Protein backbone atom coordinates (compact mmCIF):
# COMPACT_ATOMS: atom_id res chain seq x y z
CA MET A 1 124.46 79.93 102.14
CA PRO A 2 123.07 82.12 105.10
CA PHE A 3 122.35 85.43 105.35
CA ARG A 4 123.08 87.69 107.75
CA GLU A 5 120.29 90.39 108.43
CA ILE A 6 121.65 94.02 108.46
CA ASN A 7 118.37 95.49 109.69
CA SER A 8 114.59 94.65 108.79
CA LYS A 9 114.90 95.51 105.18
CA MET A 10 118.20 94.53 103.98
CA VAL A 11 120.00 90.90 104.20
CA GLU A 12 123.62 90.15 103.55
CA ALA A 13 124.82 86.96 101.76
CA THR A 14 128.61 85.42 101.10
CA VAL A 15 129.20 84.62 98.02
CA VAL A 16 132.26 81.91 97.46
CA PRO A 17 133.59 80.41 94.64
CA GLY A 18 131.64 77.52 93.07
CA GLN A 19 128.49 77.91 94.36
CA LYS A 20 125.98 80.19 92.84
CA MET A 21 122.92 81.89 94.14
CA TYR A 22 119.98 83.67 92.48
CA SER A 23 117.99 86.86 93.11
CA GLN A 24 115.30 89.24 91.77
CA ARG A 25 116.68 91.46 89.10
CA GLY A 26 117.40 95.23 90.97
CA ALA A 27 117.78 93.80 94.33
CA MET A 28 121.39 94.20 94.86
CA LEU A 29 122.15 97.32 96.80
CA ALA A 30 125.85 97.26 97.27
CA TYR A 31 128.47 94.42 97.30
CA ARG A 32 132.36 93.67 97.98
CA GLY A 33 134.86 91.69 95.92
CA GLU A 34 134.64 89.86 92.84
CA VAL A 35 130.93 89.12 92.18
CA SER A 36 129.24 88.90 88.98
CA PHE A 37 125.60 89.25 88.34
CA THR A 38 124.10 87.87 85.23
CA PRO A 39 120.19 87.56 83.87
CA ASN A 40 118.96 84.06 84.01
CA ILE A 41 116.09 82.79 81.83
CA GLN A 42 116.00 79.16 83.54
CA GLY A 43 115.68 80.97 87.06
CA GLY A 44 117.48 78.09 88.90
CA GLN A 45 117.88 74.31 89.07
CA GLY A 46 114.52 72.50 87.57
CA GLY A 47 115.75 73.39 83.75
CA VAL A 48 113.52 73.92 81.28
CA MET A 49 110.55 72.81 81.70
CA SER A 50 110.76 74.57 85.35
CA MET A 51 110.55 77.18 83.38
CA ILE A 52 108.00 76.57 81.14
CA GLY A 53 106.00 75.80 84.21
CA ARG A 54 106.30 79.55 85.33
CA ARG A 55 105.97 81.71 82.44
CA VAL A 56 102.68 79.29 81.80
CA ALA A 57 101.70 80.17 85.35
CA ASN A 58 103.13 84.09 84.70
CA GLU A 59 105.45 83.12 87.25
CA ALA A 60 108.38 84.37 85.19
CA THR A 61 110.07 86.94 87.75
CA PRO A 62 113.11 88.16 86.13
CA LEU A 63 116.27 86.48 88.33
CA MET A 64 120.08 87.10 88.23
CA THR A 65 122.97 84.68 88.78
CA VAL A 66 125.10 85.97 91.44
CA GLU A 67 128.32 84.10 91.31
CA GLY A 68 132.36 85.31 92.78
CA ASN A 69 133.64 85.44 95.84
CA GLY A 70 132.78 88.51 98.50
CA THR A 71 129.54 89.87 100.03
CA VAL A 72 126.38 91.42 98.62
CA MET A 73 123.81 93.35 100.25
CA PHE A 74 120.19 92.46 98.93
CA GLY A 75 116.81 94.27 99.76
CA HIS A 76 113.88 95.55 97.39
CA GLY A 77 110.98 98.34 97.47
CA GLY A 78 111.83 99.06 101.45
CA HIS A 79 109.78 95.68 102.01
CA HIS A 80 110.45 93.63 105.02
CA ILE A 81 112.37 90.47 104.56
CA GLN A 82 112.35 87.38 106.31
CA VAL A 83 115.04 84.70 106.04
CA ILE A 84 113.86 81.34 106.26
CA ASN A 85 115.95 78.57 106.58
CA LEU A 86 115.49 74.85 104.53
CA ALA A 87 116.37 71.19 105.29
CA GLY A 88 115.15 69.25 102.89
CA ASP A 89 111.99 70.37 102.88
CA THR A 90 109.73 72.18 100.38
CA LEU A 91 109.06 76.17 100.40
CA TYR A 92 105.68 76.76 99.22
CA VAL A 93 105.88 81.05 98.00
CA GLU A 94 104.99 83.53 95.33
CA ALA A 95 107.84 83.76 93.16
CA ASP A 96 107.40 87.82 93.31
CA ARG A 97 108.41 87.65 96.74
CA LEU A 98 111.34 85.82 96.26
CA LEU A 99 114.16 88.16 97.04
CA ALA A 100 117.49 86.08 97.04
CA PHE A 101 117.97 82.11 97.60
CA ASP A 102 120.49 79.53 97.39
CA GLY A 103 121.25 77.74 93.82
CA THR A 104 121.41 74.77 95.44
CA LEU A 105 117.68 74.46 96.15
CA GLN A 106 115.83 72.99 93.40
CA GLN A 107 112.78 75.23 91.80
CA GLY A 108 109.51 74.50 90.42
CA THR A 109 106.37 75.22 90.24
CA MET A 110 103.27 73.86 91.88
CA PHE A 111 99.50 74.32 90.96
CA MET A 112 97.45 75.24 94.06
CA GLY A 113 94.63 73.51 92.91
CA SER A 114 96.47 69.87 93.28
CA GLN A 115 97.26 70.56 97.16
CA GLY A 116 93.92 72.19 97.46
CA GLY A 117 91.34 70.96 95.57
CA VAL A 118 89.23 73.39 94.15
CA MET A 119 89.28 75.34 97.47
CA GLY A 120 93.38 76.19 96.25
CA MET A 121 91.76 77.45 92.82
CA VAL A 122 89.55 79.75 94.47
CA ARG A 123 92.30 80.96 96.68
CA GLY A 124 94.15 82.00 93.79
CA GLN A 125 90.88 83.40 92.58
CA VAL A 126 90.05 85.55 95.90
CA THR A 127 93.46 86.44 96.64
CA GLY A 128 94.64 87.84 93.65
CA GLN A 129 97.65 85.21 93.78
CA GLY A 130 98.65 83.04 90.83
CA LEU A 131 96.92 79.83 90.52
CA PHE A 132 100.41 78.22 90.50
CA THR A 133 102.79 79.05 93.27
CA THR A 134 106.97 78.82 93.50
CA THR A 135 108.09 75.83 95.04
CA LEU A 136 111.81 75.39 96.71
CA LYS A 137 113.72 72.64 97.97
CA GLY A 138 116.54 71.16 99.70
CA HIS A 139 119.24 72.71 102.01
CA GLY A 140 119.54 76.37 101.55
CA ALA A 141 118.12 79.75 102.69
CA VAL A 142 115.70 81.71 101.30
CA ALA A 143 115.08 85.33 101.59
CA VAL A 144 111.27 86.32 101.18
CA MET A 145 109.67 90.00 100.90
CA ALA A 146 106.28 90.89 102.77
CA HIS A 147 104.64 93.95 103.80
CA GLY A 148 104.81 95.36 107.58
CA GLY A 149 106.94 92.17 109.31
CA VAL A 150 106.19 88.73 109.14
CA ILE A 151 105.29 86.13 112.07
CA GLU A 152 106.35 82.29 112.12
CA LEU A 153 103.37 80.24 113.10
CA PRO A 154 103.99 76.54 113.71
CA ILE A 155 101.42 73.78 112.50
CA ALA A 156 101.00 70.66 113.97
CA PRO A 157 98.15 67.38 113.87
CA GLY A 158 95.37 68.90 115.65
CA ARG A 159 96.57 72.47 115.70
CA GLU A 160 95.57 73.72 112.15
CA VAL A 161 96.03 77.46 111.70
CA HIS A 162 93.42 80.10 110.10
CA VAL A 163 95.33 82.62 107.67
CA ASP A 164 93.20 85.83 106.01
CA PRO A 165 94.57 84.68 102.68
CA GLN A 166 95.58 88.59 101.89
CA ALA A 167 97.87 88.17 104.89
CA TYR A 168 99.27 84.58 103.54
CA VAL A 169 103.14 84.60 102.27
CA ALA A 170 105.03 81.26 102.14
CA HIS A 171 104.42 77.70 104.00
CA HIS A 172 106.83 74.97 103.88
CA GLY A 173 106.54 71.08 105.39
CA ASP A 174 103.70 68.67 105.01
CA VAL A 175 101.02 71.00 104.75
CA ARG A 176 97.27 71.27 103.06
CA ASN A 177 95.36 74.15 102.74
CA LYS A 178 91.59 74.77 102.45
CA LEU A 179 89.93 77.92 101.53
CA SER A 180 86.09 78.67 103.64
CA THR A 181 84.25 81.15 103.81
CA ALA A 182 83.44 83.25 107.22
CA LEU A 183 80.73 85.41 106.92
CA GLY A 184 80.73 87.88 109.32
CA TRP A 185 84.31 87.68 109.89
CA ARG A 186 85.64 90.98 108.63
CA GLU A 187 82.18 92.74 109.33
CA MET A 188 83.11 92.39 113.01
CA VAL A 189 86.39 94.10 112.62
CA GLY A 190 85.10 96.88 110.27
CA ARG A 191 86.89 95.46 107.12
CA GLY A 192 83.98 94.26 105.10
CA SER A 193 83.74 93.69 101.66
CA GLY A 194 80.95 91.06 101.73
CA GLU A 195 83.07 87.99 101.22
CA ALA A 196 85.14 86.89 103.63
CA PHE A 197 87.74 83.73 103.47
CA GLN A 198 89.74 81.95 106.15
CA LEU A 199 92.60 79.96 104.47
CA GLU A 200 92.99 76.87 106.72
CA LEU A 201 96.41 75.09 107.16
CA SER A 202 96.56 71.45 108.42
CA GLY A 203 99.20 68.73 108.87
CA SER A 204 102.91 69.95 110.02
CA GLY A 205 105.17 72.46 109.00
CA ALA A 206 105.29 76.20 109.33
CA VAL A 207 102.95 79.45 107.60
CA TYR A 208 104.54 82.88 107.41
CA VAL A 209 101.80 85.63 107.53
CA GLN A 210 102.64 89.41 106.89
CA ALA A 211 101.28 92.23 109.25
CA SER A 212 99.54 93.75 105.91
CA GLU A 213 96.74 92.80 103.48
CA GLU A 214 98.75 94.55 100.81
CA LYS A 215 100.50 92.30 97.76
CA LEU A 216 103.98 93.39 96.78
């Protein structure tokens, strides 16, 4: 279910009979046609275990099931919206950044430590993001929220990308993350806090970076 970008802070989705989509509660701005919105306690595909995983991970962001025949406009908090199209791969994103996504995508929860080892756990503590991250897998579209705009940076073998962890939004593909200290990095640009870290992403895929260090 593709999204049409109305502007940088609003998207429109076409809802057709027999197909579901999910959105963050309160994200509907307007709609046309016969469309229903139902609170969803399971949060998409993945079943009860996926729901339990998100609750344990504090990832239980309230969702709505959207069904019917019409068009729906989404936006939330004036945040910038980035549409990401998946072609069978997996998107890793914080649950509170999800605006809306195709119901065909399988939703789950991943413990960041399982991908980035101890450094993955450190990342969660440093950035204030959860140790668990929501995953969306399959073919479909996802609309995520960010501050100030988003840029997509490709990741390729031998061409890793270093990101300020607080500017990280999401990533997809066969990517590994590693957090390393970078003493003096922020101090050089006047944002020193005594602790500076870089999130290194390597492999094959892409990372989405926002133009801000603010959380949603």
